[in-house]
Amino acid sequence: MTVNALYRDDFYLSTAEAVVTAIHEDGGIELDQTCFYATSGGQPGDTGFLERGDGSRITLGQTKHGPIKDIIIHVPLEGEPRPIVGEKLVLHIDWARRYKLMRMHTACHLLSVVCPYPITGAAVGEEESRVDFDMSETIDKDEVTTRMMALVNENHPVFLRWITDEELVANPDIVKSKNVRPPMGLGRVSLVCIGEDSAVDSQPCGGTHVSETQEVGAIHIAKIEKKGKENRRFRIRFGTPTDEN
């Protein structure tokens, strides 16, 4: 059943009410709507719990997509109780974890502004993220950190703009990822925009983000690794470079 993915329109929604629409044989739970982000585009799915009418909890270990993007499956930890189809639940995201991922994901976009090269891979993490670029140039990690922090401190707005699948196909150059295509098939694609009138950046992305760059906080490039003749892996961590010592 098609789910109403509430997080697509409100990244800060941490709780919501929902009705169980299906239970999978492995215990996976489908809901009529959800604020839980499903693993996609290098960002891990949300964890948290589902609150039942009697106040008991069903703790979730992950959230993932089904065979198509319109299906989102909430996967309980082993041994957790199962709800029944039609049961009403209150959803609670592990907000501290989600907010870290939002900050990190936005930081990855800032890195792609500072390093305007084709992206060959990325993974968003709670404490460290990585972005791989198709590049052969040598670049100083401290310089990259300084330029990223300038964008953070300038406190640019971060917002979504929606375009149709057809508009994306007609404008392929806005896609920075070399190997992964933006999620399509839902009729519309979200552009994550940074800066007034998207002056800093605009790129297709289905992940969750903070609403202004200042929320990212202190970040730095901890390491730049050579992964091939024309591939460089940048590792982003929270805090300042001195925190590495």
Protein backbone atom coordinates (compact mmCIF):
# COMPACT_ATOMS: atom_id res chain seq x y z
CA MET A 1 0.00 0.00 0.00
CA THR A 2 1.22 3.49 -0.87
CA VAL A 3 2.34 5.36 2.24
CA ASN A 4 2.10 9.06 2.97
CA ALA A 5 5.78 9.84 3.69
CA LEU A 6 5.38 12.83 5.98
CA TYR A 7 9.11 13.46 6.25
CA ARG A 8 9.25 14.53 2.61
CA ASP A 9 7.48 17.76 3.51
CA ASP A 10 8.62 18.24 7.13
CA PHE A 11 12.11 17.14 8.16
CA TYR A 12 11.47 18.23 11.76
CA LEU A 13 8.38 16.09 12.34
CA SER A 14 9.50 13.65 15.02
CA THR A 15 6.16 12.12 16.02
CA ALA A 16 2.90 11.30 14.27
CA GLU A 17 -0.14 9.06 14.45
CA ALA A 18 -0.64 6.20 12.00
CA VAL A 19 -2.67 3.08 11.30
CA VAL A 20 -1.15 -0.34 10.57
CA THR A 21 -1.96 -1.39 7.00
CA ALA A 22 0.11 -4.59 6.65
CA ILE A 23 2.35 -6.96 8.60
CA HIS A 24 5.05 -8.90 6.75
CA GLU A 25 6.04 -12.46 7.58
CA ASP A 26 9.36 -11.24 8.98
CA GLY A 27 7.53 -8.78 11.25
CA GLY A 28 7.98 -5.69 9.09
CA ILE A 29 5.21 -3.14 9.59
CA GLU A 30 3.55 -0.96 6.96
CA LEU A 31 1.59 2.14 7.98
CA ASP A 32 -0.79 4.50 6.21
CA GLN A 33 1.62 7.37 6.92
CA THR A 34 4.98 7.79 8.58
CA CYS A 35 7.55 10.35 9.71
CA PHE A 36 10.27 7.66 9.67
CA TYR A 37 12.85 8.12 6.91
CA ALA A 38 13.63 4.93 4.99
CA THR A 39 17.23 4.08 4.10
CA SER A 40 18.07 5.70 0.78
CA GLY A 41 20.69 7.79 -1.01
CA GLY A 42 23.43 7.00 1.49
CA GLN A 43 21.39 8.11 4.52
CA PRO A 44 20.43 5.41 7.07
CA GLY A 45 16.78 4.88 7.91
CA ASP A 46 15.33 6.15 11.17
CA THR A 47 15.10 4.18 14.39
CA GLY A 48 12.75 4.80 17.33
CA PHE A 49 9.58 3.17 18.59
CA LEU A 50 5.88 2.74 17.94
CA GLU A 51 3.62 3.46 20.91
CA ARG A 52 0.50 1.29 21.27
CA GLY A 53 -2.80 2.29 22.81
CA ASP A 54 -1.90 0.74 26.17
CA GLY A 55 1.36 2.71 26.32
CA SER A 56 3.62 -0.25 25.48
CA ARG A 57 6.31 0.12 22.84
CA ILE A 58 7.50 -1.65 19.72
CA THR A 59 11.16 -0.73 19.28
CA LEU A 60 12.36 -0.42 15.69
CA GLY A 61 15.80 -1.43 14.48
CA GLN A 62 15.54 0.05 11.01
CA THR A 63 13.27 1.61 8.41
CA LYS A 64 13.61 0.57 4.77
CA HIS A 65 11.86 0.70 1.43
CA GLY A 66 9.94 -2.20 -0.01
CA PRO A 67 10.15 -3.29 -3.65
CA ILE A 68 9.18 0.25 -4.67
CA LYS A 69 9.78 3.65 -3.06
CA ASP A 70 6.09 4.01 -2.22
CA ILE A 71 6.38 1.16 0.29
CA ILE A 72 8.10 1.88 3.62
CA ILE A 73 8.70 -0.95 6.07
CA HIS A 74 9.30 -0.40 9.79
CA VAL A 75 11.38 -3.31 11.10
CA PRO A 76 11.10 -4.12 14.83
CA LEU A 77 14.00 -5.51 16.82
CA GLU A 78 13.95 -9.25 17.34
CA GLY A 79 11.47 -10.35 20.01
CA GLU A 80 9.37 -7.18 19.89
CA PRO A 81 5.56 -7.61 19.93
CA ARG A 82 3.56 -7.39 16.71
CA PRO A 83 0.67 -4.99 16.21
CA ILE A 84 -2.41 -5.99 14.20
CA VAL A 85 -3.70 -4.57 10.94
CA GLY A 86 -5.96 -1.60 11.69
CA GLU A 87 -4.26 -0.80 15.00
CA LYS A 88 -3.58 2.85 15.71
CA LEU A 89 -0.06 3.74 16.81
CA VAL A 90 1.91 6.84 17.74
CA LEU A 91 5.27 7.04 16.01
CA HIS A 92 8.34 8.35 17.82
CA ILE A 93 11.62 8.91 15.96
CA ASP A 94 14.95 8.74 17.77
CA TRP A 95 15.27 12.47 17.26
CA ALA A 96 18.81 12.93 18.57
CA ARG A 97 20.05 10.41 15.99
CA ARG A 98 17.94 11.82 13.14
CA TYR A 99 19.08 15.38 13.84
CA LYS A 100 22.73 14.32 13.65
CA LEU A 101 22.04 12.69 10.30
CA MET A 102 20.26 15.82 9.07
CA ARG A 103 23.24 17.97 10.04
CA MET A 104 25.67 15.53 8.44
CA HIS A 105 23.69 15.24 5.22
CA THR A 106 23.61 19.00 4.82
CA ALA A 107 27.36 19.07 5.51
CA CYS A 108 27.85 16.65 2.60
CA HIS A 109 26.03 19.09 0.33
CA LEU A 110 28.28 21.93 1.52
CA LEU A 111 31.30 19.80 0.71
CA SER A 112 29.99 19.30 -2.82
CA VAL A 113 29.83 23.09 -3.16
CA VAL A 114 33.44 23.51 -2.05
CA CYS A 115 34.54 20.58 -4.23
CA PRO A 116 32.48 20.86 -7.45
CA TYR A 117 33.41 17.47 -8.87
CA PRO A 118 31.20 14.51 -9.88
CA ILE A 119 30.21 12.45 -6.85
CA THR A 120 30.94 8.72 -7.16
CA GLY A 121 29.71 7.61 -3.75
CA ALA A 122 28.54 8.82 -0.35
CA ALA A 123 27.48 7.55 3.05
CA VAL A 124 25.93 9.65 5.82
CA GLY A 125 26.74 8.65 9.40
CA GLU A 126 25.99 9.90 12.89
CA GLU A 127 29.63 10.76 13.68
CA GLU A 128 31.37 10.54 10.32
CA SER A 129 30.27 10.78 6.70
CA ARG A 130 32.16 10.19 3.50
CA VAL A 131 31.86 11.61 0.02
CA ASP A 132 33.82 10.24 -2.94
CA PHE A 133 34.67 12.51 -5.85
CA ASP A 134 35.85 11.83 -9.38
CA MET A 135 38.94 14.02 -9.14
CA SER A 136 42.69 13.77 -9.47
CA GLU A 137 43.64 17.17 -8.05
CA THR A 138 45.49 17.54 -4.78
CA ILE A 139 43.61 19.66 -2.26
CA ASP A 140 44.37 20.62 1.34
CA LYS A 141 41.86 19.31 3.88
CA ASP A 142 42.28 22.34 6.14
CA GLU A 143 41.45 24.65 3.24
CA VAL A 144 38.32 22.62 2.51
CA THR A 145 37.34 22.78 6.18
CA THR A 146 37.78 26.56 6.24
CA ARG A 147 35.61 27.03 3.16
CA MET A 148 32.91 24.68 4.48
CA MET A 149 32.81 26.45 7.83
CA ALA A 150 32.47 29.78 6.05
CA LEU A 151 29.26 28.47 4.45
CA VAL A 152 28.09 27.19 7.84
CA ASN A 153 28.73 30.50 9.58
CA GLU A 154 27.11 32.55 6.82
CA ASN A 155 23.90 30.78 7.89
CA HIS A 156 22.33 30.27 4.49
CA PRO A 157 18.73 29.03 4.37
CA VAL A 158 18.19 25.40 3.33
CA PHE A 159 14.88 24.58 1.68
CA LEU A 160 13.13 22.26 -0.76
CA ARG A 161 11.88 23.02 -4.23
CA TRP A 162 9.93 20.44 -6.18
CA ILE A 163 10.28 19.73 -9.88
CA THR A 164 8.63 17.10 -12.06
CA ASP A 165 10.38 13.97 -13.29
CA GLU A 166 10.18 15.45 -16.77
CA GLU A 167 11.95 18.64 -15.67
CA LEU A 168 14.78 16.58 -14.19
CA VAL A 169 15.18 14.55 -17.36
CA ALA A 170 15.31 17.80 -19.34
CA ASN A 171 18.01 19.23 -17.03
CA PRO A 172 20.43 16.35 -16.33
CA ASP A 173 23.32 18.68 -15.45
CA ILE A 174 21.80 19.50 -12.05
CA VAL A 175 22.60 15.95 -10.88
CA LYS A 176 26.00 15.86 -9.16
CA SER A 177 26.11 12.15 -8.52
CA LYS A 178 27.93 10.25 -11.25
CA ASN A 179 26.68 6.75 -10.42
CA VAL A 180 23.38 7.16 -8.55
CA ARG A 181 20.30 8.71 -10.06
CA PRO A 182 17.86 10.73 -7.93
CA PRO A 183 14.67 8.95 -6.84
CA MET A 184 12.13 9.18 -9.64
CA GLY A 185 8.80 7.57 -10.38
CA LEU A 186 6.74 9.47 -7.82
CA GLY A 187 5.93 12.25 -10.27
CA ARG A 188 8.05 14.84 -8.53
CA VAL A 189 11.66 15.20 -7.40
CA SER A 190 12.87 17.31 -4.49
CA LEU A 191 15.71 19.77 -4.96
CA VAL A 192 17.63 20.66 -1.82
CA CYS A 193 18.44 24.35 -2.20
CA ILE A 194 20.98 26.34 -0.19
CA GLY A 195 21.07 30.14 -0.10
CA GLU A 196 18.59 32.80 -1.13
CA ASP A 197 17.19 31.87 -4.54
CA SER A 198 19.41 28.75 -4.44
CA ALA A 199 22.46 30.98 -4.84
CA VAL A 200 24.80 28.53 -3.06
CA ASP A 201 23.56 25.18 -4.34
CA SER A 202 20.64 23.21 -5.74
CA GLN A 203 20.68 19.46 -6.30
CA PRO A 204 18.20 16.58 -6.36
CA CYS A 205 18.10 14.74 -3.03
CA GLY A 206 15.51 12.74 -1.12
CA GLY A 207 17.29 12.92 2.24
CA THR A 208 16.54 15.00 5.32
CA HIS A 209 18.27 18.30 6.05
CA VAL A 210 18.47 21.16 8.55
CA SER A 211 16.73 24.45 7.72
CA GLU A 212 19.82 26.68 7.83
CA THR A 213 23.51 26.00 7.50
CA GLN A 214 24.37 27.28 10.97
CA GLU A 215 22.59 24.24 12.42
CA VAL A 216 25.28 22.00 10.94
CA GLY A 217 27.66 23.23 13.65
CA ALA A 218 31.41 22.68 13.74
CA ILE A 219 32.58 20.21 11.11
CA HIS A 220 35.92 19.40 9.53
CA ILE A 221 37.55 17.19 6.96
CA ALA A 222 39.34 14.57 9.01
CA LYS A 223 41.01 12.80 6.09
CA ILE A 224 41.27 12.77 2.30
CA GLU A 225 42.05 9.32 0.92
CA LYS A 226 43.24 8.41 -2.56
CA LYS A 227 41.01 5.59 -3.79
CA GLY A 228 42.33 5.44 -7.34
CA LYS A 229 43.97 7.58 -9.97
CA GLU A 230 40.87 9.76 -10.24
CA ASN A 231 38.98 9.14 -7.03
CA ARG A 232 39.30 10.94 -3.68
CA ARG A 233 37.38 10.06 -0.51
CA PHE A 234 36.64 12.91 1.92
CA ARG A 235 35.75 12.02 5.51
CA ILE A 236 33.63 14.61 7.37
CA ARG A 237 33.43 14.64 11.15
CA PHE A 238 31.78 16.85 13.72
CA GLY A 239 33.93 19.18 15.81
CA THR A 240 37.14 21.01 14.95
CA PRO A 241 40.43 19.61 13.61
CA THR A 242 41.92 19.92 17.10
CA ASP A 243 39.38 17.36 18.31
CA GLU A 244 41.32 14.75 16.33
CA ASN A 245 44.32 15.15 18.64
